[in-house]
Amino acid sequence: MINRKQVSDNVTVVQFDHGSVSALDLEFLLALRAELAELADNGTALVLTGTGPAFSAGVDLFRILDGGADYVDQFIPALSGAFEDVFACRRPVVAAVNGHAIAGGCVIAACADHRIMADGRGRIGVPELLVGVPFPASALAAVRYAVGDVGVADLVYSGLTLLPAEAQERGLVDEVVPEAELLDRAVAKAEQLAAIPPATFAHTKRSLRDRYWTEMDESGRHRDVEMLEVWKSPETLAAIAAYAEKTIGKK
């Protein structure tokens, strides 16, 4: 589900390996949160990457449809919590986006300090509104942090998924490199960031992101209560079913 390899004294690679596209389901998110909590104690920088054609293709919609409102009650807090865990990590986090990073997969990458994407046909973006589901506050905070306020509304409302070069232009990724160089470049960047004294890095990272944490604490938590109810509604579940049938095919 999640593979971990400490590649140096300063850097640990965390590889998503959950099904064919590392779709986000409850078990995967709980495993990721546990992994991140354990890694917080070892003090290394992190490189997050995927397996095969995908970094992560986002939420497993069929699990949502199978589980209904009861599953959503457990899943959404785990999803929001995973985003917050990555966004709040005190140590450097580099996303090595090896392929498709869609919806929640894109958000995980956006939570990182630096995003490097493999050149190729992989796409990245946040099509949540095309699916018919709202964003957790932590997800929108991460995307806004990555992209900036200018252009983020168009990205969110349109649901566009972008090829690497355009994603770099829009701020979703910082670098595009040949696929064969992706992991080496990500580890090198993680080493560079890890060389900054940890207390200095953590203080600066928190300061850069403080605005987003303030907004989440002041209004985002309240909106997340509403967001959960929207996810569980019959109208939303019907929209998810229609989207899944149209774009993925019947289960």
C-alpha atoms as a PDB file:
ATOM      1  CA  MET A   1       0.000   0.000   0.000  1.00  0.00           C
ATOM      2  CA  ILE A   2       2.797   2.407   0.996  1.00  0.00           C
ATOM      3  CA  ASN A   3       6.477   1.649   0.531  1.00  0.00           C
ATOM      4  CA  ARG A   4       9.128   3.516   2.468  1.00  0.00           C
ATOM      5  CA  LYS A   5      12.841   3.719   1.753  1.00  0.00           C
ATOM      6  CA  GLN A   6      15.329   5.925   3.559  1.00  0.00           C
ATOM      7  CA  VAL A   7      17.739   6.810   0.764  1.00  0.00           C
ATOM      8  CA  SER A   8      20.147   8.883   2.877  1.00  0.00           C
ATOM      9  CA  ASP A   9      20.512  10.226   6.388  1.00  0.00           C
ATOM     10  CA  ASN A  10      18.372  13.178   5.358  1.00  0.00           C
ATOM     11  CA  VAL A  11      15.733  11.864   2.920  1.00  0.00           C
ATOM     12  CA  THR A  12      13.016   9.192   2.970  1.00  0.00           C
ATOM     13  CA  VAL A  13      11.075   8.212  -0.150  1.00  0.00           C
ATOM     14  CA  VAL A  14       7.411   7.368   0.453  1.00  0.00           C
ATOM     15  CA  GLN A  15       5.903   5.536  -2.512  1.00  0.00           C
ATOM     16  CA  PHE A  16       2.161   5.104  -3.012  1.00  0.00           C
ATOM     17  CA  ASP A  17       1.389   1.587  -4.296  1.00  0.00           C
ATOM     18  CA  HIS A  18      -2.320   0.970  -3.854  1.00  0.00           C
ATOM     19  CA  GLY A  19      -4.013  -0.707  -6.781  1.00  0.00           C
ATOM     20  CA  SER A  20      -3.379   0.350 -10.341  1.00  0.00           C
ATOM     21  CA  VAL A  21      -3.615   4.130  -9.743  1.00  0.00           C
ATOM     22  CA  SER A  22      -3.272   4.519  -5.950  1.00  0.00           C
ATOM     23  CA  ALA A  23      -6.860   5.706  -5.621  1.00  0.00           C
ATOM     24  CA  LEU A  24      -7.695   7.216  -2.258  1.00  0.00           C
ATOM     25  CA  ASP A  25      -9.861   5.049  -0.042  1.00  0.00           C
ATOM     26  CA  LEU A  26     -10.233   4.904   3.723  1.00  0.00           C
ATOM     27  CA  GLU A  27      -7.618   2.214   4.255  1.00  0.00           C
ATOM     28  CA  PHE A  28      -5.016   3.976   2.123  1.00  0.00           C
ATOM     29  CA  LEU A  29      -5.586   7.318   3.848  1.00  0.00           C
ATOM     30  CA  LEU A  30      -5.329   5.806   7.323  1.00  0.00           C
ATOM     31  CA  ALA A  31      -2.125   4.026   6.313  1.00  0.00           C
ATOM     32  CA  LEU A  32      -0.701   7.260   4.890  1.00  0.00           C
ATOM     33  CA  ARG A  33      -1.532   9.207   8.042  1.00  0.00           C
ATOM     34  CA  ALA A  34       0.086   6.532  10.207  1.00  0.00           C
ATOM     35  CA  GLU A  35       3.186   6.559   7.996  1.00  0.00           C
ATOM     36  CA  LEU A  36       3.475  10.337   8.173  1.00  0.00           C
ATOM     37  CA  ALA A  37       3.072  10.317  11.953  1.00  0.00           C
ATOM     38  CA  GLU A  38       5.836   7.744  12.291  1.00  0.00           C
ATOM     39  CA  LEU A  39       8.129   9.609   9.914  1.00  0.00           C
ATOM     40  CA  ALA A  40       7.644  12.845  11.836  1.00  0.00           C
ATOM     41  CA  ASP A  41       9.845  11.354  14.537  1.00  0.00           C
ATOM     42  CA  ASN A  42      12.807  10.503  12.305  1.00  0.00           C
ATOM     43  CA  GLY A  43      13.350  14.064  11.102  1.00  0.00           C
ATOM     44  CA  THR A  44      14.093  13.315   7.452  1.00  0.00           C
ATOM     45  CA  ALA A  45      12.823  15.218   4.460  1.00  0.00           C
ATOM     46  CA  LEU A  46      10.179  13.339   2.479  1.00  0.00           C
ATOM     47  CA  VAL A  47       9.807  12.555  -1.199  1.00  0.00           C
ATOM     48  CA  LEU A  48       6.279  11.467  -2.094  1.00  0.00           C
ATOM     49  CA  THR A  49       5.828   9.544  -5.331  1.00  0.00           C
ATOM     50  CA  GLY A  50       3.526   7.020  -6.964  1.00  0.00           C
ATOM     51  CA  THR A  51       3.753   3.801  -8.929  1.00  0.00           C
ATOM     52  CA  GLY A  52       3.313   3.113 -12.632  1.00  0.00           C
ATOM     53  CA  PRO A  53       1.162   5.597 -14.553  1.00  0.00           C
ATOM     54  CA  ALA A  54      -0.169   7.516 -11.554  1.00  0.00           C
ATOM     55  CA  PHE A  55       0.917   9.534  -8.563  1.00  0.00           C
ATOM     56  CA  SER A  56      -2.674   9.153  -7.383  1.00  0.00           C
ATOM     57  CA  ALA A  57      -5.866   9.301  -9.421  1.00  0.00           C
ATOM     58  CA  GLY A  58      -7.833  10.714  -6.508  1.00  0.00           C
ATOM     59  CA  VAL A  59     -10.797   9.416  -4.555  1.00  0.00           C
ATOM     60  CA  ASP A  60     -11.990   5.867  -5.185  1.00  0.00           C
ATOM     61  CA  LEU A  61     -15.505   6.817  -6.292  1.00  0.00           C
ATOM     62  CA  PHE A  62     -16.784   3.250  -6.329  1.00  0.00           C
ATOM     63  CA  ARG A  63     -15.954   2.874  -2.629  1.00  0.00           C
ATOM     64  CA  ILE A  64     -18.008   6.011  -1.987  1.00  0.00           C
ATOM     65  CA  LEU A  65     -20.938   4.592  -3.927  1.00  0.00           C
ATOM     66  CA  ASP A  66     -20.677   1.177  -2.288  1.00  0.00           C
ATOM     67  CA  GLY A  67     -20.380   2.569   1.235  1.00  0.00           C
ATOM     68  CA  GLY A  68     -22.804   5.465   1.011  1.00  0.00           C
ATOM     69  CA  ALA A  69     -23.224   7.997   3.797  1.00  0.00           C
ATOM     70  CA  ASP A  70     -21.793   5.736   6.526  1.00  0.00           C
ATOM     71  CA  TYR A  71     -18.546   5.285   4.613  1.00  0.00           C
ATOM     72  CA  VAL A  72     -18.375   8.998   3.779  1.00  0.00           C
ATOM     73  CA  ASP A  73     -18.629   9.792   7.519  1.00  0.00           C
ATOM     74  CA  GLN A  74     -15.330   7.966   8.048  1.00  0.00           C
ATOM     75  CA  PHE A  75     -13.689   8.770   4.717  1.00  0.00           C
ATOM     76  CA  ILE A  76     -13.950  12.565   4.575  1.00  0.00           C
ATOM     77  CA  PRO A  77     -12.267  13.217   7.952  1.00  0.00           C
ATOM     78  CA  ALA A  78      -9.469  10.845   6.917  1.00  0.00           C
ATOM     79  CA  LEU A  79      -9.122  12.662   3.584  1.00  0.00           C
ATOM     80  CA  SER A  80      -9.020  16.119   5.169  1.00  0.00           C
ATOM     81  CA  GLY A  81      -6.670  14.855   7.849  1.00  0.00           C
ATOM     82  CA  ALA A  82      -4.228  13.427   5.317  1.00  0.00           C
ATOM     83  CA  PHE A  83      -4.120  16.727   3.437  1.00  0.00           C
ATOM     84  CA  GLU A  84      -3.476  18.585   6.682  1.00  0.00           C
ATOM     85  CA  ASP A  85      -0.776  16.124   7.748  1.00  0.00           C
ATOM     86  CA  VAL A  86       1.191  16.744   4.545  1.00  0.00           C
ATOM     87  CA  PHE A  87       0.531  20.500   4.542  1.00  0.00           C
ATOM     88  CA  ALA A  88       1.624  20.829   8.196  1.00  0.00           C
ATOM     89  CA  CYS A  89       4.686  18.558   8.030  1.00  0.00           C
ATOM     90  CA  ARG A  90       7.545  20.413   9.740  1.00  0.00           C
ATOM     91  CA  ARG A  91      10.179  18.812   7.532  1.00  0.00           C
ATOM     92  CA  PRO A  92      10.608  19.396   3.781  1.00  0.00           C
ATOM     93  CA  VAL A  93       8.213  17.534   1.485  1.00  0.00           C
ATOM     94  CA  VAL A  94       8.925  17.121  -2.231  1.00  0.00           C
ATOM     95  CA  ALA A  95       6.300  15.630  -4.537  1.00  0.00           C
ATOM     96  CA  ALA A  96       7.773  13.539  -7.357  1.00  0.00           C
ATOM     97  CA  VAL A  97       4.715  13.403  -9.606  1.00  0.00           C
ATOM     98  CA  ASN A  98       5.385  10.368 -11.781  1.00  0.00           C
ATOM     99  CA  GLY A  99       2.075  10.406 -13.671  1.00  0.00           C
ATOM    100  CA  HIS A 100      -1.560  11.330 -13.253  1.00  0.00           C
ATOM    101  CA  ALA A 101      -2.288  13.386 -10.135  1.00  0.00           C
ATOM    102  CA  ILE A 102      -6.014  13.951 -10.219  1.00  0.00           C
ATOM    103  CA  ALA A 103      -8.318  15.571  -7.650  1.00  0.00           C
ATOM    104  CA  GLY A 104      -7.098  14.362  -4.240  1.00  0.00           C
ATOM    105  CA  GLY A 105      -3.849  13.223  -5.837  1.00  0.00           C
ATOM    106  CA  CYS A 106      -3.266  16.744  -7.083  1.00  0.00           C
ATOM    107  CA  VAL A 107      -4.085  18.131  -3.642  1.00  0.00           C
ATOM    108  CA  ILE A 108      -1.505  15.893  -1.964  1.00  0.00           C
ATOM    109  CA  ALA A 109       1.101  17.187  -4.416  1.00  0.00           C
ATOM    110  CA  ALA A 110      -0.031  20.776  -3.796  1.00  0.00           C
ATOM    111  CA  CYS A 111       0.551  20.283  -0.066  1.00  0.00           C
ATOM    112  CA  ALA A 112       4.266  19.714  -0.708  1.00  0.00           C
ATOM    113  CA  ASP A 113       6.988  22.346  -0.512  1.00  0.00           C
ATOM    114  CA  HIS A 114       8.193  21.595  -4.036  1.00  0.00           C
ATOM    115  CA  ARG A 115       6.551  19.703  -6.882  1.00  0.00           C
ATOM    116  CA  ILE A 116       8.441  18.027  -9.715  1.00  0.00           C
ATOM    117  CA  MET A 117       6.508  16.297 -12.501  1.00  0.00           C
ATOM    118  CA  ALA A 118       7.696  13.782 -15.054  1.00  0.00           C
ATOM    119  CA  ASP A 119       7.394  14.981 -18.624  1.00  0.00           C
ATOM    120  CA  GLY A 120       4.923  12.925 -20.615  1.00  0.00           C
ATOM    121  CA  ARG A 121       1.187  12.361 -20.867  1.00  0.00           C
ATOM    122  CA  GLY A 122       0.400  12.428 -17.168  1.00  0.00           C
ATOM    123  CA  ARG A 123      -2.188  15.014 -16.156  1.00  0.00           C
ATOM    124  CA  ILE A 124      -2.694  17.002 -12.983  1.00  0.00           C
ATOM    125  CA  GLY A 125      -5.674  19.010 -11.805  1.00  0.00           C
ATOM    126  CA  VAL A 126      -8.682  19.276  -9.537  1.00  0.00           C
ATOM    127  CA  PRO A 127     -11.894  18.181 -11.331  1.00  0.00           C
ATOM    128  CA  GLU A 128     -13.915  17.857  -8.102  1.00  0.00           C
ATOM    129  CA  LEU A 129     -16.684  20.166  -9.312  1.00  0.00           C
ATOM    130  CA  LEU A 130     -17.055  18.109 -12.491  1.00  0.00           C
ATOM    131  CA  VAL A 131     -17.637  15.092 -10.258  1.00  0.00           C
ATOM    132  CA  GLY A 132     -20.118  17.123  -8.232  1.00  0.00           C
ATOM    133  CA  VAL A 133     -18.327  17.119  -4.858  1.00  0.00           C
ATOM    134  CA  PRO A 134     -17.137  20.050  -2.714  1.00  0.00           C
ATOM    135  CA  PHE A 135     -13.593  20.576  -1.472  1.00  0.00           C
ATOM    136  CA  PRO A 136     -12.484  20.230   2.145  1.00  0.00           C
ATOM    137  CA  ALA A 137     -11.045  23.513   3.410  1.00  0.00           C
ATOM    138  CA  SER A 138      -7.594  21.940   3.617  1.00  0.00           C
ATOM    139  CA  ALA A 139      -7.730  20.948  -0.062  1.00  0.00           C
ATOM    140  CA  LEU A 140      -8.569  24.430  -1.288  1.00  0.00           C
ATOM    141  CA  ALA A 141      -5.942  25.920   1.020  1.00  0.00           C
ATOM    142  CA  ALA A 142      -3.264  23.691  -0.504  1.00  0.00           C
ATOM    143  CA  VAL A 143      -4.270  24.461  -4.096  1.00  0.00           C
ATOM    144  CA  ARG A 144      -4.423  28.198  -3.385  1.00  0.00           C
ATOM    145  CA  TYR A 145      -1.012  28.032  -1.726  1.00  0.00           C
ATOM    146  CA  ALA A 146       0.475  26.273  -4.751  1.00  0.00           C
ATOM    147  CA  VAL A 147      -1.165  28.336  -7.484  1.00  0.00           C
ATOM    148  CA  GLY A 148      -1.749  31.692  -5.816  1.00  0.00           C
ATOM    149  CA  ASP A 149      -4.967  33.670  -5.779  1.00  0.00           C
ATOM    150  CA  VAL A 150      -4.735  34.720  -9.423  1.00  0.00           C
ATOM    151  CA  GLY A 151      -6.113  31.951 -11.615  1.00  0.00           C
ATOM    152  CA  VAL A 152      -7.070  29.514  -8.879  1.00  0.00           C
ATOM    153  CA  ALA A 153     -10.815  30.084  -9.321  1.00  0.00           C
ATOM    154  CA  ASP A 154     -10.612  29.239 -13.024  1.00  0.00           C
ATOM    155  CA  LEU A 155      -8.635  26.100 -12.247  1.00  0.00           C
ATOM    156  CA  VAL A 156     -11.180  24.974  -9.656  1.00  0.00           C
ATOM    157  CA  TYR A 157     -14.365  25.949 -11.499  1.00  0.00           C
ATOM    158  CA  SER A 158     -13.236  24.553 -14.851  1.00  0.00           C
ATOM    159  CA  GLY A 159     -11.947  21.261 -13.460  1.00  0.00           C
ATOM    160  CA  LEU A 160      -9.149  21.303 -16.030  1.00  0.00           C
ATOM    161  CA  THR A 161      -6.485  18.621 -15.896  1.00  0.00           C
ATOM    162  CA  LEU A 162      -3.200  19.849 -17.314  1.00  0.00           C
ATOM    163  CA  LEU A 163      -0.211  18.307 -19.038  1.00  0.00           C
ATOM    164  CA  PRO A 164       3.121  18.947 -17.293  1.00  0.00           C
ATOM    165  CA  ALA A 165       4.267  22.072 -19.181  1.00  0.00           C
ATOM    166  CA  GLU A 166       0.948  23.851 -18.717  1.00  0.00           C
ATOM    167  CA  ALA A 167       0.797  22.747 -15.099  1.00  0.00           C
ATOM    168  CA  GLN A 168       4.172  24.410 -14.577  1.00  0.00           C
ATOM    169  CA  GLU A 169       2.887  27.596 -16.188  1.00  0.00           C
ATOM    170  CA  ARG A 170      -0.140  27.581 -13.870  1.00  0.00           C
ATOM    171  CA  GLY A 171       1.938  26.939 -10.745  1.00  0.00           C
ATOM    172  CA  LEU A 172       0.707  23.434  -9.993  1.00  0.00           C
ATOM    173  CA  VAL A 173       4.234  22.106 -10.454  1.00  0.00           C
ATOM    174  CA  ASP A 174       7.588  23.817 -10.022  1.00  0.00           C
ATOM    175  CA  GLU A 175       9.683  21.720 -12.397  1.00  0.00           C
ATOM    176  CA  VAL A 176       9.181  19.321 -15.298  1.00  0.00           C
ATOM    177  CA  VAL A 177      11.931  16.773 -15.879  1.00  0.00           C
ATOM    178  CA  PRO A 178      12.385  13.627 -17.990  1.00  0.00           C
ATOM    179  CA  GLU A 179      10.755  10.635 -16.353  1.00  0.00           C
ATOM    180  CA  ALA A 180      14.085   8.849 -15.910  1.00  0.00           C
ATOM    181  CA  GLU A 181      15.429  11.785 -13.879  1.00  0.00           C
ATOM    182  CA  LEU A 182      12.387  12.371 -11.699  1.00  0.00           C
ATOM    183  CA  LEU A 183      13.305  10.528  -8.523  1.00  0.00           C
ATOM    184  CA  ASP A 184      16.960  11.595  -8.550  1.00  0.00           C
ATOM    185  CA  ARG A 185      15.961  15.228  -8.998  1.00  0.00           C
ATOM    186  CA  ALA A 186      13.345  14.976  -6.234  1.00  0.00           C
ATOM    187  CA  VAL A 187      15.841  13.434  -3.815  1.00  0.00           C
ATOM    188  CA  ALA A 188      18.398  16.128  -4.678  1.00  0.00           C
ATOM    189  CA  LYS A 189      15.839  18.856  -3.979  1.00  0.00           C
ATOM    190  CA  ALA A 190      14.870  17.188  -0.709  1.00  0.00           C
ATOM    191  CA  GLU A 191      18.540  17.044   0.282  1.00  0.00           C
ATOM    192  CA  GLN A 192      18.883  20.751  -0.482  1.00  0.00           C
ATOM    193  CA  LEU A 193      15.907  21.656   1.683  1.00  0.00           C
ATOM    194  CA  ALA A 194      16.964  19.259   4.431  1.00  0.00           C
ATOM    195  CA  ALA A 195      20.289  21.112   4.698  1.00  0.00           C
ATOM    196  CA  ILE A 196      18.442  24.139   6.116  1.00  0.00           C
ATOM    197  CA  PRO A 197      18.528  24.003   9.941  1.00  0.00           C
ATOM    198  CA  PRO A 198      15.302  22.228  10.975  1.00  0.00           C
ATOM    199  CA  ALA A 199      14.005  24.899  13.354  1.00  0.00           C
ATOM    200  CA  THR A 200      14.639  27.611  10.775  1.00  0.00           C
ATOM    201  CA  PHE A 201      12.921  25.624   8.041  1.00  0.00           C
ATOM    202  CA  ALA A 202       9.900  24.770  10.205  1.00  0.00           C
ATOM    203  CA  HIS A 203       9.449  28.377  11.351  1.00  0.00           C
ATOM    204  CA  THR A 204       9.679  29.716   7.800  1.00  0.00           C
ATOM    205  CA  LYS A 205       7.339  27.068   6.402  1.00  0.00           C
ATOM    206  CA  ARG A 206       4.737  27.819   9.038  1.00  0.00           C
ATOM    207  CA  SER A 207       5.063  31.551   8.383  1.00  0.00           C
ATOM    208  CA  LEU A 208       4.566  31.082   4.642  1.00  0.00           C
ATOM    209  CA  ARG A 209       1.425  29.039   5.258  1.00  0.00           C
ATOM    210  CA  ASP A 210       0.100  30.848   8.313  1.00  0.00           C
ATOM    211  CA  ARG A 211      -2.591  32.720   6.385  1.00  0.00           C
ATOM    212  CA  TYR A 212      -4.109  29.461   5.219  1.00  0.00           C
ATOM    213  CA  TRP A 213      -4.105  27.885   8.674  1.00  0.00           C
ATOM    214  CA  THR A 214      -5.765  31.016  10.081  1.00  0.00           C
ATOM    215  CA  GLU A 215      -8.509  30.856   7.467  1.00  0.00           C
ATOM    216  CA  MET A 216      -9.061  27.144   8.122  1.00  0.00           C
ATOM    217  CA  ASP A 217      -9.293  27.702  11.869  1.00  0.00           C
ATOM    218  CA  GLU A 218     -11.547  30.772  11.638  1.00  0.00           C
ATOM    219  CA  SER A 219     -14.007  29.599   8.993  1.00  0.00           C
ATOM    220  CA  GLY A 220     -12.815  26.445   7.254  1.00  0.00           C
ATOM    221  CA  ARG A 221     -13.689  24.061  10.091  1.00  0.00           C
ATOM    222  CA  HIS A 222     -17.245  25.359  10.094  1.00  0.00           C
ATOM    223  CA  ARG A 223     -17.515  25.021   6.321  1.00  0.00           C
ATOM    224  CA  ASP A 224     -16.198  21.459   6.557  1.00  0.00           C
ATOM    225  CA  VAL A 225     -19.228  20.499   8.653  1.00  0.00           C
ATOM    226  CA  GLU A 226     -21.426  21.680   5.793  1.00  0.00           C
ATOM    227  CA  MET A 227     -19.110  20.052   3.242  1.00  0.00           C
ATOM    228  CA  LEU A 228     -19.500  16.639   4.868  1.00  0.00           C
ATOM    229  CA  GLU A 229     -23.277  16.888   4.708  1.00  0.00           C
ATOM    230  CA  VAL A 230     -23.102  17.817   1.013  1.00  0.00           C
ATOM    231  CA  TRP A 231     -20.900  14.774   0.303  1.00  0.00           C
ATOM    232  CA  LYS A 232     -23.456  12.507   2.015  1.00  0.00           C
ATOM    233  CA  SER A 233     -26.521  13.920   0.273  1.00  0.00           C
ATOM    234  CA  PRO A 234     -28.469  11.793  -2.228  1.00  0.00           C
ATOM    235  CA  GLU A 235     -27.925  14.461  -4.882  1.00  0.00           C
ATOM    236  CA  THR A 236     -24.151  14.279  -4.518  1.00  0.00           C
ATOM    237  CA  LEU A 237     -24.082  10.484  -4.520  1.00  0.00           C
ATOM    238  CA  ALA A 238     -26.195  10.529  -7.682  1.00  0.00           C
ATOM    239  CA  ALA A 239     -23.768  12.990  -9.299  1.00  0.00           C
ATOM    240  CA  ILE A 240     -20.821  10.763  -8.367  1.00  0.00           C
ATOM    241  CA  ALA A 241     -22.571   7.736  -9.881  1.00  0.00           C
ATOM    242  CA  ALA A 242     -23.279   9.596 -13.119  1.00  0.00           C
ATOM    243  CA  TYR A 243     -19.690  10.846 -13.370  1.00  0.00           C
ATOM    244  CA  ALA A 244     -18.230   7.426 -12.633  1.00  0.00           C
ATOM    245  CA  GLU A 245     -20.374   5.764 -15.262  1.00  0.00           C
ATOM    246  CA  LYS A 246     -19.552   8.381 -17.861  1.00  0.00           C
ATOM    247  CA  THR A 247     -15.800   8.640 -17.322  1.00  0.00           C
ATOM    248  CA  ILE A 248     -14.728   5.357 -15.751  1.00  0.00           C
ATOM    249  CA  GLY A 249     -17.364   2.901 -16.835  1.00  0.00           C
ATOM    250  CA  LYS A 250     -19.719   0.717 -14.889  1.00  0.00           C
ATOM    251  CA  LYS A 251     -18.216  -1.249 -12.049  1.00  0.00           C
END
